[in-house]
Amino acid sequence: QLWHYGLTAENAFMCGFFYLCKPNSAVTTLYERYWEGMSDPDVLKIGIQVRLGDWVFSSDQAPDVSKLLASAANHLDCAQKIEKVYALPGQRVIWYFMSDSLDLSKAVQQKYGSKVLTETKFRPGHVDCRLSKNNPHACDTSEVNLALQHALGQIMTFSKADYHVYSRHSGFGRVGAWLSGKHDNLFEIGESTQCDPMKPAMPSKSAHQWSRI
């Protein structure tokens, strides 16, 4: 009966998520400025998500920008390969970039310019506010609410991409990619991943990683 209504293993998570959750006015206010470009069918949209790890939420030291960019090199290289293969001549291309590191997001935008859409003001916090040790107010109600609004806004924006390049060990990036309803769009990046735009990850394999979709 579920098959009769169009529910499959690939879209069941997406359907369930959007049945239970939709952005409220607070999320829309923060992120609707991204959604026009990310909803344009004439634009090639590549979502990139880089997870550095929970250490970013407890570090107060100024980051080494070159090291941050190096940590994202495989993701960015994959995005460039996808763009080269799938972008039509003269087609506008958008990279939507998100990371647990605000400094990395800023560095990527500075390096790749106006085609990069990313949040450059809000410093992400962990969903478990106790782990955001670099923010003494992380567990205040207003801070928790803001963190959740940004998390949902980023996931929703990421889901609007045509192709998704994300850290294999990140549930956050995988959730956004699986909410897209797209096919042949998953590119999971590990430390030694060789990205091939013609060989996306199979949903059946991706589903068993981390977020257990």
Protein backbone atom coordinates (compact mmCIF):
# COMPACT_ATOMS: atom_id res chain seq x y z
CA GLN A 1 0.00 0.00 0.00
CA LEU A 2 2.88 2.39 0.75
CA TRP A 3 4.29 1.75 -2.71
CA HIS A 4 0.87 2.61 -4.14
CA TYR A 5 1.14 6.08 -2.55
CA GLY A 6 4.66 6.57 -3.88
CA LEU A 7 6.55 5.95 -0.64
CA THR A 8 9.90 4.27 -1.27
CA ALA A 9 13.02 3.56 0.76
CA GLU A 10 14.65 6.60 -0.85
CA ASN A 11 11.94 9.15 -0.08
CA ALA A 12 10.42 7.82 3.16
CA PHE A 13 12.77 9.87 5.35
CA MET A 14 12.07 13.06 3.39
CA CYS A 15 8.31 12.55 3.51
CA GLY A 16 8.33 11.81 7.24
CA PHE A 17 10.54 14.80 8.02
CA PHE A 18 8.41 17.32 6.16
CA TYR A 19 5.23 15.84 7.62
CA LEU A 20 6.57 16.51 11.11
CA CYS A 21 8.61 19.66 10.57
CA LYS A 22 8.41 22.87 8.58
CA PRO A 23 10.21 26.20 9.05
CA ASN A 24 8.43 28.79 11.16
CA SER A 25 8.56 32.54 10.59
CA ALA A 26 11.79 32.89 12.57
CA VAL A 27 13.60 30.43 10.28
CA THR A 28 12.08 31.99 7.17
CA THR A 29 13.21 35.46 8.23
CA LEU A 30 16.79 34.23 8.62
CA TYR A 31 17.07 32.15 5.46
CA GLU A 32 14.56 33.17 2.81
CA ARG A 33 17.21 35.45 1.28
CA TYR A 34 18.98 32.28 0.14
CA TRP A 35 15.94 30.46 -1.16
CA GLU A 36 15.22 32.44 -4.32
CA GLY A 37 18.55 31.58 -5.93
CA MET A 38 18.52 28.06 -4.51
CA SER A 39 15.07 27.46 -6.01
CA ASP A 40 15.91 28.74 -9.50
CA PRO A 41 15.73 25.80 -11.97
CA ASP A 42 18.06 27.59 -14.38
CA VAL A 43 20.89 27.69 -11.83
CA LEU A 44 23.24 24.78 -11.11
CA LYS A 45 23.25 24.51 -7.33
CA ILE A 46 25.90 22.55 -5.45
CA GLY A 47 25.61 22.12 -1.70
CA ILE A 48 28.84 21.64 0.25
CA GLN A 49 28.97 20.71 3.93
CA VAL A 50 32.19 20.25 5.90
CA ARG A 51 32.24 18.88 9.43
CA LEU A 52 35.46 19.62 11.26
CA GLY A 53 34.32 18.14 14.57
CA ASP A 54 33.02 19.08 17.99
CA TRP A 55 36.37 20.63 18.95
CA VAL A 56 35.34 23.81 17.12
CA PHE A 57 32.72 24.43 19.80
CA SER A 58 35.27 24.50 22.60
CA SER A 59 38.22 26.26 20.96
CA ASP A 60 38.92 29.94 21.68
CA GLN A 61 42.12 30.09 19.65
CA ALA A 62 42.34 32.05 16.42
CA PRO A 63 42.19 29.53 13.55
CA ASP A 64 44.84 28.98 10.92
CA VAL A 65 42.88 29.79 7.76
CA SER A 66 45.21 27.80 5.50
CA LYS A 67 44.68 24.68 7.64
CA LEU A 68 40.92 25.20 7.62
CA LEU A 69 40.87 25.39 3.83
CA ALA A 70 43.10 22.33 3.60
CA SER A 71 40.60 20.38 5.70
CA ALA A 72 37.91 21.22 3.15
CA ALA A 73 40.08 20.59 0.08
CA ASN A 74 38.47 17.27 -0.89
CA HIS A 75 34.96 18.73 -0.61
CA LEU A 76 35.81 21.81 -2.66
CA ASP A 77 37.66 19.78 -5.27
CA CYS A 78 34.60 17.54 -5.63
CA ALA A 79 32.34 20.56 -6.09
CA GLN A 80 34.63 21.87 -8.81
CA LYS A 81 34.53 18.52 -10.60
CA ILE A 82 30.74 18.41 -10.44
CA GLU A 83 30.52 21.95 -11.77
CA LYS A 84 32.88 21.13 -14.63
CA VAL A 85 30.83 18.10 -15.68
CA TYR A 86 27.28 19.38 -15.22
CA ALA A 87 27.35 23.16 -15.72
CA LEU A 88 26.09 24.29 -19.11
CA PRO A 89 27.97 27.01 -21.03
CA GLY A 90 27.10 30.37 -19.48
CA GLN A 91 25.00 28.82 -16.73
CA ARG A 92 25.01 30.50 -13.34
CA VAL A 93 26.44 28.30 -10.59
CA ILE A 94 25.80 28.62 -6.85
CA TRP A 95 27.74 26.86 -4.14
CA TYR A 96 25.83 26.77 -0.87
CA PHE A 97 28.42 26.14 1.82
CA MET A 98 27.84 25.21 5.44
CA SER A 99 30.16 24.07 8.19
CA ASP A 100 30.43 23.83 11.95
CA SER A 101 33.23 26.40 11.61
CA LEU A 102 32.21 30.00 10.93
CA ASP A 103 35.84 30.83 10.14
CA LEU A 104 35.93 28.17 7.44
CA SER A 105 32.70 29.47 5.89
CA LYS A 106 34.19 32.97 5.72
CA ALA A 107 37.43 31.65 4.23
CA VAL A 108 35.62 29.70 1.50
CA GLN A 109 33.54 32.69 0.51
CA GLN A 110 36.60 34.92 0.42
CA LYS A 111 38.49 32.44 -1.77
CA TYR A 112 35.74 31.51 -4.24
CA GLY A 113 33.84 34.77 -4.37
CA SER A 114 30.25 35.66 -5.11
CA LYS A 115 29.13 32.21 -6.26
CA VAL A 116 29.40 31.06 -2.64
CA LEU A 117 26.33 31.51 -0.46
CA THR A 118 27.03 30.94 3.21
CA GLU A 119 26.23 32.24 6.67
CA THR A 120 29.04 34.58 7.76
CA LYS A 121 27.66 36.12 10.96
CA PHE A 122 26.19 33.40 13.16
CA ARG A 123 28.71 31.17 14.92
CA PRO A 124 27.25 27.64 15.03
CA GLY A 125 26.65 25.93 18.33
CA HIS A 126 26.23 22.27 19.15
CA VAL A 127 22.68 20.96 19.47
CA ASP A 128 23.79 19.79 22.91
CA CYS A 129 24.47 23.26 24.29
CA ARG A 130 26.75 21.89 27.00
CA LEU A 131 29.33 21.10 24.32
CA SER A 132 29.48 24.72 23.11
CA LYS A 133 32.12 25.61 25.67
CA ASN A 134 33.32 28.68 23.78
CA ASN A 135 29.94 30.34 24.38
CA PRO A 136 29.11 30.81 28.09
CA HIS A 137 25.51 31.63 27.18
CA ALA A 138 24.98 28.64 24.88
CA CYS A 139 22.35 27.07 27.13
CA ASP A 140 20.29 30.24 27.51
CA THR A 141 16.84 29.72 26.00
CA SER A 142 17.33 32.48 23.43
CA GLU A 143 20.66 31.00 22.30
CA VAL A 144 19.26 27.48 22.04
CA ASN A 145 16.31 28.73 20.00
CA LEU A 146 18.59 30.69 17.67
CA ALA A 147 20.88 27.70 17.20
CA LEU A 148 17.92 25.48 16.25
CA GLN A 149 16.56 28.11 13.86
CA HIS A 150 19.89 28.33 12.07
CA ALA A 151 20.27 24.54 12.02
CA LEU A 152 16.88 24.03 10.38
CA GLY A 153 17.41 26.97 8.03
CA GLN A 154 20.74 25.62 6.85
CA ILE A 155 19.41 22.09 6.38
CA MET A 156 16.45 23.42 4.38
CA THR A 157 18.70 25.60 2.21
CA PHE A 158 21.18 22.77 1.67
CA SER A 159 18.34 20.47 0.60
CA LYS A 160 17.52 22.80 -2.32
CA ALA A 161 20.84 22.04 -4.05
CA ASP A 162 21.01 19.79 -7.12
CA TYR A 163 24.10 17.95 -5.87
CA HIS A 164 25.29 17.46 -2.31
CA VAL A 165 28.91 17.13 -1.23
CA TYR A 166 29.18 16.42 2.48
CA SER A 167 31.35 14.85 5.16
CA ARG A 168 30.74 11.13 5.39
CA HIS A 169 30.87 11.26 9.20
CA SER A 170 28.26 14.02 9.45
CA GLY A 171 24.61 13.36 10.12
CA PHE A 172 23.84 17.05 9.62
CA GLY A 173 24.96 17.13 6.00
CA ARG A 174 23.40 13.78 5.20
CA VAL A 175 19.99 14.84 6.53
CA GLY A 176 19.97 17.90 4.27
CA ALA A 177 20.99 15.85 1.25
CA TRP A 178 18.31 13.21 1.88
CA LEU A 179 15.64 15.91 2.18
CA SER A 180 16.24 17.02 -1.39
CA GLY A 181 14.21 14.32 -3.12
CA LYS A 182 16.91 14.22 -5.81
CA HIS A 183 18.55 11.20 -7.44
CA ASP A 184 22.25 10.59 -8.09
CA ASN A 185 23.07 13.60 -5.91
CA LEU A 186 25.01 12.17 -2.95
CA PHE A 187 28.78 12.65 -2.74
CA GLU A 188 30.19 11.55 0.60
CA ILE A 189 33.68 12.79 1.41
CA GLY A 190 36.16 11.06 3.70
CA GLU A 191 39.85 11.66 4.34
CA SER A 192 40.96 9.70 1.27
CA THR A 193 37.87 10.05 -0.94
CA GLN A 194 38.40 10.32 -4.68
CA CYS A 195 35.33 12.14 -5.97
CA ASP A 196 33.92 11.03 -9.31
CA PRO A 197 30.97 13.16 -10.50
CA MET A 198 29.75 10.18 -12.50
CA LYS A 199 29.67 7.87 -9.46
CA PRO A 200 27.50 9.29 -6.67
CA ALA A 201 27.00 7.35 -3.46
CA MET A 202 24.20 4.81 -3.47
CA PRO A 203 21.35 5.67 -1.06
CA SER A 204 21.38 2.12 0.28
CA LYS A 205 25.00 2.60 1.37
CA SER A 206 24.60 6.17 2.59
CA ALA A 207 21.63 5.18 4.76
CA HIS A 208 23.80 3.05 7.05
CA GLN A 209 26.22 5.86 7.88
CA TRP A 210 26.08 7.95 11.07
CA SER A 211 22.56 9.40 11.09
CA ARG A 212 21.06 5.98 10.37
CA ILE A 213 18.53 7.18 7.82
